[in-house]
Amino acid sequence: LKKLEYLNKLYRNGYWGSELPEDTRPKKLDPNSEENA
């Protein structure tokens, strides 16, 4: 559990960056909008 919490902390802090292509998204796009969907 301690190791998992440490890994989660690294992930939340962006230590590994982002490898997900869908993270490349318009910066001004409201995530709650129909346009986002």
Full PDB file with SEQRES, HELIX, SHEET, SSBOND, CRYST1, ORIGX, SCALE, CONECT and MASTER records, all heavy atoms in Angstrom:
SEQRES   1 A   37  LEU LYS LYS LEU GLU TYR LEU ASN LYS LEU TYR ARG ASN          
SEQRES   2 A   37  GLY TYR TRP GLY SER GLU LEU PRO GLU ASP THR ARG PRO          
SEQRES   3 A   37  LYS LYS LEU ASP PRO ASN SER GLU GLU ASN ALA                  
HELIX    1 AA1 LYS A    2  ARG A   12  1                                  11    
HELIX    2 AA2 PRO A   21  ASP A   23  5                                   3    
CRYST1    1.000    1.000    1.000  90.00  90.00  90.00 P 1           1          
ORIGX1      1.000000  0.000000  0.000000        0.00000                         
ORIGX2      0.000000  1.000000  0.000000        0.00000                         
ORIGX3      0.000000  0.000000  1.000000        0.00000                         
SCALE1      1.000000  0.000000  0.000000        0.00000                         
SCALE2      0.000000  1.000000  0.000000        0.00000                         
SCALE3      0.000000  0.000000  1.000000        0.00000                         
ATOM      1  N   LEU A   1       0.824  -1.202   0.000  1.00  0.00           N  
ATOM      2  CA  LEU A   1       0.000   0.000   0.000  1.00  0.00           C  
ATOM      3  C   LEU A   1       0.865   1.262   0.000  1.00  0.00           C  
ATOM      4  O   LEU A   1       0.600   2.213  -0.725  1.00  0.00           O  
ATOM      5  CB  LEU A   1      -0.949   0.010   1.199  1.00  0.00           C  
ATOM      6  CG  LEU A   1      -1.925   1.170   1.288  1.00  0.00           C  
ATOM      7  CD1 LEU A   1      -2.793   1.240   0.035  1.00  0.00           C  
ATOM      8  CD2 LEU A   1      -2.787   1.054   2.521  1.00  0.00           C  
ATOM      9  N   LYS A   2       1.916   1.250   0.793  1.00  0.00           N  
ATOM     10  CA  LYS A   2       2.829   2.393   0.855  1.00  0.00           C  
ATOM     11  C   LYS A   2       3.488   2.636  -0.507  1.00  0.00           C  
ATOM     12  O   LYS A   2       3.591   3.778  -0.960  1.00  0.00           O  
ATOM     13  CB  LYS A   2       3.895   2.155   1.928  1.00  0.00           C  
ATOM     14  CG  LYS A   2       4.771   3.340   2.199  1.00  0.00           C  
ATOM     15  CD  LYS A   2       5.717   3.077   3.369  1.00  0.00           C  
ATOM     16  CE  LYS A   2       6.589   4.287   3.627  1.00  0.00           C  
ATOM     17  NZ  LYS A   2       7.472   4.084   4.775  1.00  0.00           N  
ATOM     18  N   LYS A   3       3.896   1.576  -1.176  1.00  0.00           N  
ATOM     19  CA  LYS A   3       4.514   1.700  -2.499  1.00  0.00           C  
ATOM     20  C   LYS A   3       3.502   2.216  -3.524  1.00  0.00           C  
ATOM     21  O   LYS A   3       3.835   3.055  -4.365  1.00  0.00           O  
ATOM     22  CB  LYS A   3       5.094   0.361  -2.950  1.00  0.00           C  
ATOM     23  CG  LYS A   3       6.345  -0.016  -2.190  1.00  0.00           C  
ATOM     24  CD  LYS A   3       6.898  -1.354  -2.633  1.00  0.00           C  
ATOM     25  CE  LYS A   3       8.139  -1.701  -1.831  1.00  0.00           C  
ATOM     26  NZ  LYS A   3       8.730  -2.967  -2.249  1.00  0.00           N  
ATOM     27  N   LEU A   4       2.281   1.722  -3.450  1.00  0.00           N  
ATOM     28  CA  LEU A   4       1.241   2.182  -4.371  1.00  0.00           C  
ATOM     29  C   LEU A   4       0.915   3.655  -4.148  1.00  0.00           C  
ATOM     30  O   LEU A   4       0.719   4.410  -5.117  1.00  0.00           O  
ATOM     31  CB  LEU A   4      -0.016   1.327  -4.229  1.00  0.00           C  
ATOM     32  CG  LEU A   4       0.082  -0.095  -4.769  1.00  0.00           C  
ATOM     33  CD1 LEU A   4      -1.162  -0.898  -4.395  1.00  0.00           C  
ATOM     34  CD2 LEU A   4       0.292  -0.086  -6.273  1.00  0.00           C  
ATOM     35  N   GLU A   5       0.863   4.070  -2.896  1.00  0.00           N  
ATOM     36  CA  GLU A   5       0.610   5.484  -2.594  1.00  0.00           C  
ATOM     37  C   GLU A   5       1.734   6.358  -3.139  1.00  0.00           C  
ATOM     38  O   GLU A   5       1.489   7.438  -3.680  1.00  0.00           O  
ATOM     39  CB  GLU A   5       0.445   5.686  -1.090  1.00  0.00           C  
ATOM     40  CG  GLU A   5      -0.877   5.153  -0.569  1.00  0.00           C  
ATOM     41  CD  GLU A   5      -0.972   5.157   0.949  1.00  0.00           C  
ATOM     42  OE1 GLU A   5       0.062   5.335   1.640  1.00  0.00           O  
ATOM     43  OE2 GLU A   5      -2.100   4.981   1.452  1.00  0.00           O  
ATOM     44  N   TYR A   6       2.976   5.878  -3.031  1.00  0.00           N  
ATOM     45  CA  TYR A   6       4.112   6.619  -3.563  1.00  0.00           C  
ATOM     46  C   TYR A   6       4.019   6.732  -5.089  1.00  0.00           C  
ATOM     47  O   TYR A   6       4.212   7.801  -5.661  1.00  0.00           O  
ATOM     48  CB  TYR A   6       5.420   5.944  -3.149  1.00  0.00           C  
ATOM     49  CG  TYR A   6       6.640   6.598  -3.742  1.00  0.00           C  
ATOM     50  CD1 TYR A   6       7.066   7.846  -3.286  1.00  0.00           C  
ATOM     51  CD2 TYR A   6       7.369   5.982  -4.742  1.00  0.00           C  
ATOM     52  CE1 TYR A   6       8.180   8.464  -3.821  1.00  0.00           C  
ATOM     53  CE2 TYR A   6       8.481   6.592  -5.289  1.00  0.00           C  
ATOM     54  CZ  TYR A   6       8.887   7.835  -4.826  1.00  0.00           C  
ATOM     55  OH  TYR A   6       9.991   8.440  -5.372  1.00  0.00           O  
ATOM     56  N   LEU A   7       3.703   5.638  -5.753  1.00  0.00           N  
ATOM     57  CA  LEU A   7       3.550   5.657  -7.214  1.00  0.00           C  
ATOM     58  C   LEU A   7       2.410   6.582  -7.635  1.00  0.00           C  
ATOM     59  O   LEU A   7       2.526   7.326  -8.618  1.00  0.00           O  
ATOM     60  CB  LEU A   7       3.309   4.236  -7.736  1.00  0.00           C  
ATOM     61  CG  LEU A   7       4.495   3.292  -7.669  1.00  0.00           C  
ATOM     62  CD1 LEU A   7       4.066   1.881  -8.055  1.00  0.00           C  
ATOM     63  CD2 LEU A   7       5.627   3.777  -8.559  1.00  0.00           C  
ATOM     64  N   ASN A   8       1.324   6.560  -6.886  1.00  0.00           N  
ATOM     65  CA  ASN A   8       0.186   7.434  -7.182  1.00  0.00           C  
ATOM     66  C   ASN A   8       0.584   8.903  -7.044  1.00  0.00           C  
ATOM     67  O   ASN A   8       0.203   9.745  -7.842  1.00  0.00           O  
ATOM     68  CB  ASN A   8      -0.992   7.092  -6.275  1.00  0.00           C  
ATOM     69  CG  ASN A   8      -2.246   7.823  -6.658  1.00  0.00           C  
ATOM     70  OD1 ASN A   8      -2.487   8.107  -7.832  1.00  0.00           O  
ATOM     71  ND2 ASN A   8      -3.065   8.130  -5.680  1.00  0.00           N  
ATOM     72  N   LYS A   9       1.373   9.205  -6.017  1.00  0.00           N  
ATOM     73  CA  LYS A   9       1.848  10.574  -5.812  1.00  0.00           C  
ATOM     74  C   LYS A   9       2.718  11.020  -6.987  1.00  0.00           C  
ATOM     75  O   LYS A   9       2.567  12.132  -7.499  1.00  0.00           O  
ATOM     76  CB  LYS A   9       2.637  10.664  -4.499  1.00  0.00           C  
ATOM     77  CG  LYS A   9       3.155  12.047  -4.200  1.00  0.00           C  
ATOM     78  CD  LYS A   9       3.933  12.066  -2.887  1.00  0.00           C  
ATOM     79  CE  LYS A   9       4.525  13.440  -2.646  1.00  0.00           C  
ATOM     80  NZ  LYS A   9       5.322  13.465  -1.418  1.00  0.00           N  
ATOM     81  N   LEU A  10       3.617  10.154  -7.423  1.00  0.00           N  
ATOM     82  CA  LEU A  10       4.450  10.479  -8.584  1.00  0.00           C  
ATOM     83  C   LEU A  10       3.585  10.745  -9.815  1.00  0.00           C  
ATOM     84  O   LEU A  10       3.814  11.697 -10.564  1.00  0.00           O  
ATOM     85  CB  LEU A  10       5.431   9.341  -8.873  1.00  0.00           C  
ATOM     86  CG  LEU A  10       6.561   9.130  -7.878  1.00  0.00           C  
ATOM     87  CD1 LEU A  10       7.370   7.886  -8.252  1.00  0.00           C  
ATOM     88  CD2 LEU A  10       7.463  10.350  -7.810  1.00  0.00           C  
ATOM     89  N   TYR A  11       2.592   9.894 -10.025  1.00  0.00           N  
ATOM     90  CA  TYR A  11       1.691  10.055 -11.170  1.00  0.00           C  
ATOM     91  C   TYR A  11       0.944  11.384 -11.103  1.00  0.00           C  
ATOM     92  O   TYR A  11       0.894  12.135 -12.068  1.00  0.00           O  
ATOM     93  CB  TYR A  11       0.705   8.887 -11.225  1.00  0.00           C  
ATOM     94  CG  TYR A  11      -0.388   9.086 -12.247  1.00  0.00           C  
ATOM     95  CD1 TYR A  11      -0.126   8.946 -13.596  1.00  0.00           C  
ATOM     96  CD2 TYR A  11      -1.675   9.447 -11.856  1.00  0.00           C  
ATOM     97  CE1 TYR A  11      -1.117   9.136 -14.537  1.00  0.00           C  
ATOM     98  CE2 TYR A  11      -2.669   9.648 -12.786  1.00  0.00           C  
ATOM     99  CZ  TYR A  11      -2.389   9.488 -14.130  1.00  0.00           C  
ATOM    100  OH  TYR A  11      -3.367   9.698 -15.049  1.00  0.00           O  
ATOM    101  N   ARG A  12       0.340  11.698  -9.954  1.00  0.00           N  
ATOM    102  CA  ARG A  12      -0.432  12.940  -9.794  1.00  0.00           C  
ATOM    103  C   ARG A  12       0.434  14.181  -9.999  1.00  0.00           C  
ATOM    104  O   ARG A  12      -0.042  15.206 -10.459  1.00  0.00           O  
ATOM    105  CB  ARG A  12      -1.091  12.988  -8.417  1.00  0.00           C  
ATOM    106  CG  ARG A  12      -2.326  12.133  -8.290  1.00  0.00           C  
ATOM    107  CD  ARG A  12      -3.082  12.446  -6.995  1.00  0.00           C  
ATOM    108  NE  ARG A  12      -2.212  12.714  -5.866  1.00  0.00           N  
ATOM    109  CZ  ARG A  12      -1.917  11.855  -4.903  1.00  0.00           C  
ATOM    110  NH1 ARG A  12      -2.455  10.658  -4.913  1.00  0.00           N  
ATOM    111  NH2 ARG A  12      -1.111  12.187  -3.908  1.00  0.00           N  
ATOM    112  N   ASN A  13       1.688  14.086  -9.627  1.00  0.00           N  
ATOM    113  CA  ASN A  13       2.594  15.220  -9.770  1.00  0.00           C  
ATOM    114  C   ASN A  13       3.210  15.319 -11.165  1.00  0.00           C  
ATOM    115  O   ASN A  13       4.045  16.178 -11.417  1.00  0.00           O  
ATOM    116  CB  ASN A  13       3.699  15.165  -8.710  1.00  0.00           C  
ATOM    117  CG  ASN A  13       3.163  15.437  -7.327  1.00  0.00           C  
ATOM    118  OD1 ASN A  13       2.190  16.160  -7.156  1.00  0.00           O  
ATOM    119  ND2 ASN A  13       3.788  14.853  -6.326  1.00  0.00           N  
ATOM    120  N   GLY A  14       2.801  14.440 -12.071  1.00  0.00           N  
ATOM    121  CA  GLY A  14       3.262  14.517 -13.456  1.00  0.00           C  
ATOM    122  C   GLY A  14       4.679  14.030 -13.669  1.00  0.00           C  
ATOM    123  O   GLY A  14       5.309  14.361 -14.677  1.00  0.00           O  
ATOM    124  N   TYR A  15       5.189  13.226 -12.754  1.00  0.00           N  
ATOM    125  CA  TYR A  15       6.570  12.766 -12.857  1.00  0.00           C  
ATOM    126  C   TYR A  15       6.840  12.046 -14.175  1.00  0.00           C  
ATOM    127  O   TYR A  15       7.889  12.204 -14.769  1.00  0.00           O  
ATOM    128  CB  TYR A  15       6.894  11.853 -11.676  1.00  0.00           C  
ATOM    129  CG  TYR A  15       8.300  11.303 -11.705  1.00  0.00           C  
ATOM    130  CD1 TYR A  15       9.383  12.105 -11.325  1.00  0.00           C  
ATOM    131  CD2 TYR A  15       8.553  10.007 -12.114  1.00  0.00           C  
ATOM    132  CE1 TYR A  15      10.674  11.605 -11.361  1.00  0.00           C  
ATOM    133  CE2 TYR A  15       9.845   9.505 -12.152  1.00  0.00           C  
ATOM    134  CZ  TYR A  15      10.897  10.303 -11.782  1.00  0.00           C  
ATOM    135  OH  TYR A  15      12.170   9.812 -11.817  1.00  0.00           O  
ATOM    136  N   TRP A  16       5.894  11.234 -14.633  1.00  0.00           N  
ATOM    137  CA  TRP A  16       6.087  10.467 -15.856  1.00  0.00           C  
ATOM    138  C   TRP A  16       5.604  11.197 -17.099  1.00  0.00           C  
ATOM    139  O   TRP A  16       5.727  10.695 -18.205  1.00  0.00           O  
ATOM    140  CB  TRP A  16       5.383   9.107 -15.762  1.00  0.00           C  
ATOM    141  CG  TRP A  16       6.024   8.196 -14.784  1.00  0.00           C  
ATOM    142  CD1 TRP A  16       7.287   7.710 -14.837  1.00  0.00           C  
ATOM    143  CD2 TRP A  16       5.449   7.663 -13.605  1.00  0.00           C  
ATOM    144  NE1 TRP A  16       7.533   6.912 -13.757  1.00  0.00           N  
ATOM    145  CE2 TRP A  16       6.432   6.859 -12.982  1.00  0.00           C  
ATOM    146  CE3 TRP A  16       4.205   7.782 -13.010  1.00  0.00           C  
ATOM    147  CZ2 TRP A  16       6.192   6.175 -11.803  1.00  0.00           C  
ATOM    148  CZ3 TRP A  16       3.972   7.103 -11.835  1.00  0.00           C  
ATOM    149  CH2 TRP A  16       4.952   6.315 -11.233  1.00  0.00           C  
ATOM    150  N   GLY A  17       5.022  12.350 -16.943  1.00  0.00           N  
ATOM    151  CA  GLY A  17       4.487  13.054 -18.105  1.00  0.00           C  
ATOM    152  C   GLY A  17       3.227  12.389 -18.582  1.00  0.00           C  
ATOM    153  O   GLY A  17       2.566  11.649 -17.864  1.00  0.00           O  
ATOM    154  N   SER A  18       2.887  12.642 -19.820  1.00  0.00           N  
ATOM    155  CA  SER A  18       1.671  12.063 -20.389  1.00  0.00           C  
ATOM    156  C   SER A  18       2.005  11.358 -21.687  1.00  0.00           C  
ATOM    157  O   SER A  18       2.592  11.932 -22.578  1.00  0.00           O  
ATOM    158  CB  SER A  18       0.642  13.153 -20.647  1.00  0.00           C  
ATOM    159  OG  SER A  18      -0.442  12.610 -21.333  1.00  0.00           O  
ATOM    160  N   GLU A  19       1.618  10.139 -21.775  1.00  0.00           N  
ATOM    161  CA  GLU A  19       1.818   9.374 -22.998  1.00  0.00           C  
ATOM    162  C   GLU A  19       0.498   9.145 -23.728  1.00  0.00           C  
ATOM    163  O   GLU A  19       0.461   8.527 -24.752  1.00  0.00           O  
ATOM    164  CB  GLU A  19       2.464   8.024 -22.670  1.00  0.00           C  
ATOM    165  CG  GLU A  19       3.862   8.152 -22.106  1.00  0.00           C  
ATOM    166  CD  GLU A  19       4.852   8.776 -23.083  1.00  0.00           C  
ATOM    167  OE1 GLU A  19       4.757   8.518 -24.290  1.00  0.00           O  
ATOM    168  OE2 GLU A  19       5.714   9.541 -22.626  1.00  0.00           O  
ATOM    169  N   LEU A  20      -0.584   9.624 -23.140  1.00  0.00           N  
ATOM    170  CA  LEU A  20      -1.889   9.397 -23.749  1.00  0.00           C  
ATOM    171  C   LEU A  20      -2.134  10.436 -24.836  1.00  0.00           C  
ATOM    172  O   LEU A  20      -2.127  11.633 -24.569  1.00  0.00           O  
ATOM    173  CB  LEU A  20      -2.993   9.472 -22.687  1.00  0.00           C  
ATOM    174  CG  LEU A  20      -2.890   8.444 -21.569  1.00  0.00           C  
ATOM    175  CD1 LEU A  20      -3.946   8.714 -20.515  1.00  0.00           C  
ATOM    176  CD2 LEU A  20      -3.023   7.049 -22.122  1.00  0.00           C  
ATOM    177  N   PRO A  21      -2.355   9.995 -26.061  1.00  0.00           N  
ATOM    178  CA  PRO A  21      -2.544  10.957 -27.149  1.00  0.00           C  
ATOM    179  C   PRO A  21      -3.748  11.862 -26.950  1.00  0.00           C  
ATOM    180  O   PRO A  21      -3.743  13.015 -27.363  1.00  0.00           O  
ATOM    181  CB  PRO A  21      -2.697  10.086 -28.390  1.00  0.00           C  
ATOM    182  CG  PRO A  21      -3.042   8.733 -27.890  1.00  0.00           C  
ATOM    183  CD  PRO A  21      -2.448   8.629 -26.518  1.00  0.00           C  
ATOM    184  N   GLU A  22      -4.783  11.373 -26.286  1.00  0.00           N  
ATOM    185  CA  GLU A  22      -5.964  12.200 -26.078  1.00  0.00           C  
ATOM    186  C   GLU A  22      -5.734  13.316 -25.068  1.00  0.00           C  
ATOM    187  O   GLU A  22      -6.580  14.186 -24.897  1.00  0.00           O  
ATOM    188  CB  GLU A  22      -7.182  11.359 -25.701  1.00  0.00           C  
ATOM    189  CG  GLU A  22      -7.010  10.521 -24.476  1.00  0.00           C  
ATOM    190  CD  GLU A  22      -6.429   9.146 -24.743  1.00  0.00           C  
ATOM    191  OE1 GLU A  22      -5.863   8.899 -25.812  1.00  0.00           O  
ATOM    192  OE2 GLU A  22      -6.540   8.302 -23.843  1.00  0.00           O  
ATOM    193  N   ASP A  23      -4.561  13.309 -24.415  1.00  0.00           N  
ATOM    194  CA  ASP A  23      -4.213  14.432 -23.543  1.00  0.00           C  
ATOM    195  C   ASP A  23      -3.828  15.663 -24.352  1.00  0.00           C  
ATOM    196  O   ASP A  23      -3.727  16.752 -23.823  1.00  0.00           O  
ATOM    197  CB  ASP A  23      -3.074  14.060 -22.596  1.00  0.00           C  
ATOM    198  CG  ASP A  23      -3.543  13.157 -21.467  1.00  0.00           C  
ATOM    199  OD1 ASP A  23      -4.769  13.044 -21.273  1.00  0.00           O  
ATOM    200  OD2 ASP A  23      -2.691  12.567 -20.791  1.00  0.00           O  
ATOM    201  N   THR A  24      -3.574  15.472 -25.642  1.00  0.00           N  
ATOM    202  CA  THR A  24      -3.327  16.594 -26.538  1.00  0.00           C  
ATOM    203  C   THR A  24      -4.701  17.110 -26.931  1.00  0.00           C  
ATOM    204  O   THR A  24      -5.366  16.543 -27.773  1.00  0.00           O  
ATOM    205  CB  THR A  24      -2.565  16.126 -27.797  1.00  0.00           C  
ATOM    206  OG1 THR A  24      -1.385  15.487 -27.384  1.00  0.00           O  
ATOM    207  CG2 THR A  24      -2.254  17.277 -28.709  1.00  0.00           C  
ATOM    208  N   ARG A  25      -5.144  18.161 -26.289  1.00  0.00           N  
ATOM    209  CA  ARG A  25      -6.498  18.663 -26.508  1.00  0.00           C  
ATOM    210  C   ARG A  25      -6.473  20.175 -26.502  1.00  0.00           C  
ATOM    211  O   ARG A  25      -5.561  20.779 -25.947  1.00  0.00           O  
ATOM    212  CB  ARG A  25      -7.444  18.143 -25.438  1.00  0.00           C  
ATOM    213  CG  ARG A  25      -7.082  18.590 -24.028  1.00  0.00           C  
ATOM    214  CD  ARG A  25      -7.885  17.956 -22.945  1.00  0.00           C  
ATOM    215  NE  ARG A  25      -9.197  18.406 -22.665  1.00  0.00           N  
ATOM    216  CZ  ARG A  25      -9.567  19.635 -22.316  1.00  0.00           C  
ATOM    217  NH1 ARG A  25      -8.711  20.602 -22.270  1.00  0.00           N  
ATOM    218  NH2 ARG A  25     -10.799  19.909 -22.028  1.00  0.00           N  
ATOM    219  N   PRO A  26      -7.460  20.797 -27.130  1.00  0.00           N  
ATOM    220  CA  PRO A  26      -7.538  22.257 -27.111  1.00  0.00           C  
ATOM    221  C   PRO A  26      -7.600  22.775 -25.671  1.00  0.00           C  
ATOM    222  O   PRO A  26      -8.366  22.280 -24.852  1.00  0.00           O  
ATOM    223  CB  PRO A  26      -8.837  22.556 -27.854  1.00  0.00           C  
ATOM    224  CG  PRO A  26      -9.067  21.353 -28.701  1.00  0.00           C  
ATOM    225  CD  PRO A  26      -8.522  20.208 -27.921  1.00  0.00           C  
ATOM    226  N   LYS A  27      -6.789  23.741 -25.370  1.00  0.00           N  
ATOM    227  CA  LYS A  27      -6.689  24.245 -24.003  1.00  0.00           C  
ATOM    228  C   LYS A  27      -7.923  25.028 -23.564  1.00  0.00           C  
ATOM    229  O   LYS A  27      -8.250  25.060 -22.405  1.00  0.00           O  
ATOM    230  CB  LYS A  27      -5.446  25.101 -23.864  1.00  0.00           C  
ATOM    231  CG  LYS A  27      -4.182  24.292 -24.158  1.00  0.00           C  
ATOM    232  CD  LYS A  27      -2.946  24.955 -23.684  1.00  0.00           C  
ATOM    233  CE  LYS A  27      -1.683  24.226 -24.041  1.00  0.00           C  
ATOM    234  NZ  LYS A  27      -1.696  22.877 -24.346  1.00  0.00           N  
ATOM    235  N   LYS A  28      -8.617  25.652 -24.496  1.00  0.00           N  
ATOM    236  CA  LYS A  28      -9.779  26.472 -24.148  1.00  0.00           C  
ATOM    237  C   LYS A  28     -11.088  25.693 -24.220  1.00  0.00           C  
ATOM    238  O   LYS A  28     -12.154  26.264 -24.150  1.00  0.00           O  
ATOM    239  CB  LYS A  28      -9.851  27.694 -25.062  1.00  0.00           C  
ATOM    240  CG  LYS A  28      -8.674  28.630 -24.875  1.00  0.00           C  
ATOM    241  CD  LYS A  28      -8.790  29.841 -25.767  1.00  0.00           C  
ATOM    242  CE  LYS A  28      -7.602  30.758 -25.572  1.00  0.00           C  
ATOM    243  NZ  LYS A  28      -7.688  31.946 -26.417  1.00  0.00           N  
ATOM    244  N   LEU A  29     -11.016  24.396 -24.360  1.00  0.00           N  
ATOM    245  CA  LEU A  29     -12.207  23.566 -24.498  1.00  0.00           C  
ATOM    246  C   LEU A  29     -12.773  23.235 -23.123  1.00  0.00           C  
ATOM    247  O   LEU A  29     -12.101  22.647 -22.276  1.00  0.00           O  
ATOM    248  CB  LEU A  29     -11.852  22.280 -25.246  1.00  0.00           C  
ATOM    249  CG  LEU A  29     -12.979  21.362 -25.639  1.00  0.00           C  
ATOM    250  CD1 LEU A  29     -13.991  22.075 -26.520  1.00  0.00           C  
ATOM    251  CD2 LEU A  29     -12.432  20.154 -26.368  1.00  0.00           C  
ATOM    252  N   ASP A  30     -14.015  23.630 -22.889  1.00  0.00           N  
ATOM    253  CA  ASP A  30     -14.685  23.368 -21.612  1.00  0.00           C  
ATOM    254  C   ASP A  30     -14.952  21.859 -21.502  1.00  0.00           C  
ATOM    255  O   ASP A  30     -15.686  21.302 -22.315  1.00  0.00           O  
ATOM    256  CB  ASP A  30     -16.001  24.148 -21.549  1.00  0.00           C  
ATOM    257  CG  ASP A  30     -16.811  23.870 -20.292  1.00  0.00           C  
ATOM    258  OD1 ASP A  30     -16.355  23.103 -19.423  1.00  0.00           O  
ATOM    259  OD2 ASP A  30     -17.914  24.433 -20.186  1.00  0.00           O  
ATOM    260  N   PRO A  31     -14.360  21.181 -20.519  1.00  0.00           N  
ATOM    261  CA  PRO A  31     -14.531  19.733 -20.410  1.00  0.00           C  
ATOM    262  C   PRO A  31     -15.961  19.293 -20.132  1.00  0.00           C  
ATOM    263  O   PRO A  31     -16.284  18.124 -20.280  1.00  0.00           O  
ATOM    264  CB  PRO A  31     -13.602  19.342 -19.254  1.00  0.00           C  
ATOM    265  CG  PRO A  31     -13.316  20.584 -18.516  1.00  0.00           C  
ATOM    266  CD  PRO A  31     -13.509  21.726 -19.464  1.00  0.00           C  
ATOM    267  N   ASN A  32     -16.849  20.214 -19.777  1.00  0.00           N  
ATOM    268  CA  ASN A  32     -18.241  19.870 -19.500  1.00  0.00           C  
ATOM    269  C   ASN A  32     -19.181  20.253 -20.629  1.00  0.00           C  
ATOM    270  O   ASN A  32     -20.396  20.187 -20.464  1.00  0.00           O  
ATOM    271  CB  ASN A  32     -18.688  20.551 -18.203  1.00  0.00           C  
ATOM    272  CG  ASN A  32     -17.867  20.091 -17.020  1.00  0.00           C  
ATOM    273  OD1 ASN A  32     -17.659  18.901 -16.842  1.00  0.00           O  
ATOM    274  ND2 ASN A  32     -17.376  21.015 -16.233  1.00  0.00           N  
ATOM    275  N   SER A  33     -18.636  20.635 -21.771  1.00  0.00           N  
ATOM    276  CA  SER A  33     -19.469  21.126 -22.867  1.00  0.00           C  
ATOM    277  C   SER A  33     -19.807  20.035 -23.883  1.00  0.00           C  
ATOM    278  O   SER A  33     -19.132  19.003 -23.974  1.00  0.00           O  
ATOM    279  CB  SER A  33     -18.758  22.271 -23.591  1.00  0.00           C  
ATOM    280  OG  SER A  33     -17.606  21.773 -24.255  1.00  0.00           O  
ATOM    281  N   GLU A  34     -20.856  20.298 -24.650  1.00  0.00           N  
ATOM    282  CA  GLU A  34     -21.210  19.402 -25.757  1.00  0.00           C  
ATOM    283  C   GLU A  34     -20.079  19.402 -26.783  1.00  0.00           C  
ATOM    284  O   GLU A  34     -19.769  18.377 -27.382  1.00  0.00           O  
ATOM    285  CB  GLU A  34     -22.517  19.858 -26.415  1.00  0.00           C  
ATOM    286  CG  GLU A  34     -22.938  18.985 -27.567  1.00  0.00           C  
ATOM    287  CD  GLU A  34     -24.238  19.435 -28.211  1.00  0.00           C  
ATOM    288  OE1 GLU A  34     -24.819  20.442 -27.780  1.00  0.00           O  
ATOM    289  OE2 GLU A  34     -24.664  18.772 -29.158  1.00  0.00           O  
ATOM    290  N   GLU A  35     -19.454  20.556 -26.969  1.00  0.00           N  
ATOM    291  CA  GLU A  35     -18.337  20.685 -27.898  1.00  0.00           C  
ATOM    292  C   GLU A  35     -17.187  19.743 -27.499  1.00  0.00           C  
ATOM    293  O   GLU A  35     -16.555  19.125 -28.348  1.00  0.00           O  
ATOM    294  CB  GLU A  35     -17.867  22.142 -27.892  1.00  0.00           C  
ATOM    295  CG  GLU A  35     -16.954  22.519 -29.010  1.00  0.00           C  
ATOM    296  CD  GLU A  35     -16.675  24.012 -29.008  1.00  0.00           C  
ATOM    297  OE1 GLU A  35     -16.447  24.608 -27.931  1.00  0.00           O  
ATOM    298  OE2 GLU A  35     -16.669  24.573 -30.102  1.00  0.00           O  
ATOM    299  N   ASN A  36     -16.952  19.600 -26.222  1.00  0.00           N  
ATOM    300  CA  ASN A  36     -15.927  18.682 -25.732  1.00  0.00           C  
ATOM    301  C   ASN A  36     -16.279  17.240 -26.104  1.00  0.00           C  
ATOM    302  O   ASN A  36     -15.426  16.478 -26.560  1.00  0.00           O  
ATOM    303  CB  ASN A  36     -15.788  18.813 -24.216  1.00  0.00           C  
ATOM    304  CG  ASN A  36     -14.689  17.949 -23.659  1.00  0.00           C  
ATOM    305  OD1 ASN A  36     -13.522  18.190 -23.890  1.00  0.00           O  
ATOM    306  ND2 ASN A  36     -15.069  16.930 -22.911  1.00  0.00           N  
ATOM    307  N   ALA A  37     -17.534  16.872 -25.923  1.00  0.00           N  
ATOM    308  CA  ALA A  37     -17.979  15.515 -26.263  1.00  0.00           C  
ATOM    309  C   ALA A  37     -17.796  15.243 -27.752  1.00  0.00           C  
ATOM    310  O   ALA A  37     -17.323  14.167 -28.143  1.00  0.00           O  
ATOM    311  CB  ALA A  37     -19.439  15.318 -25.865  1.00  0.00           C  
TER     312      ALA A  37                                                      
MASTER        0    0    0    2    0    0    0    6  311    1    0    3          
END                                                                             
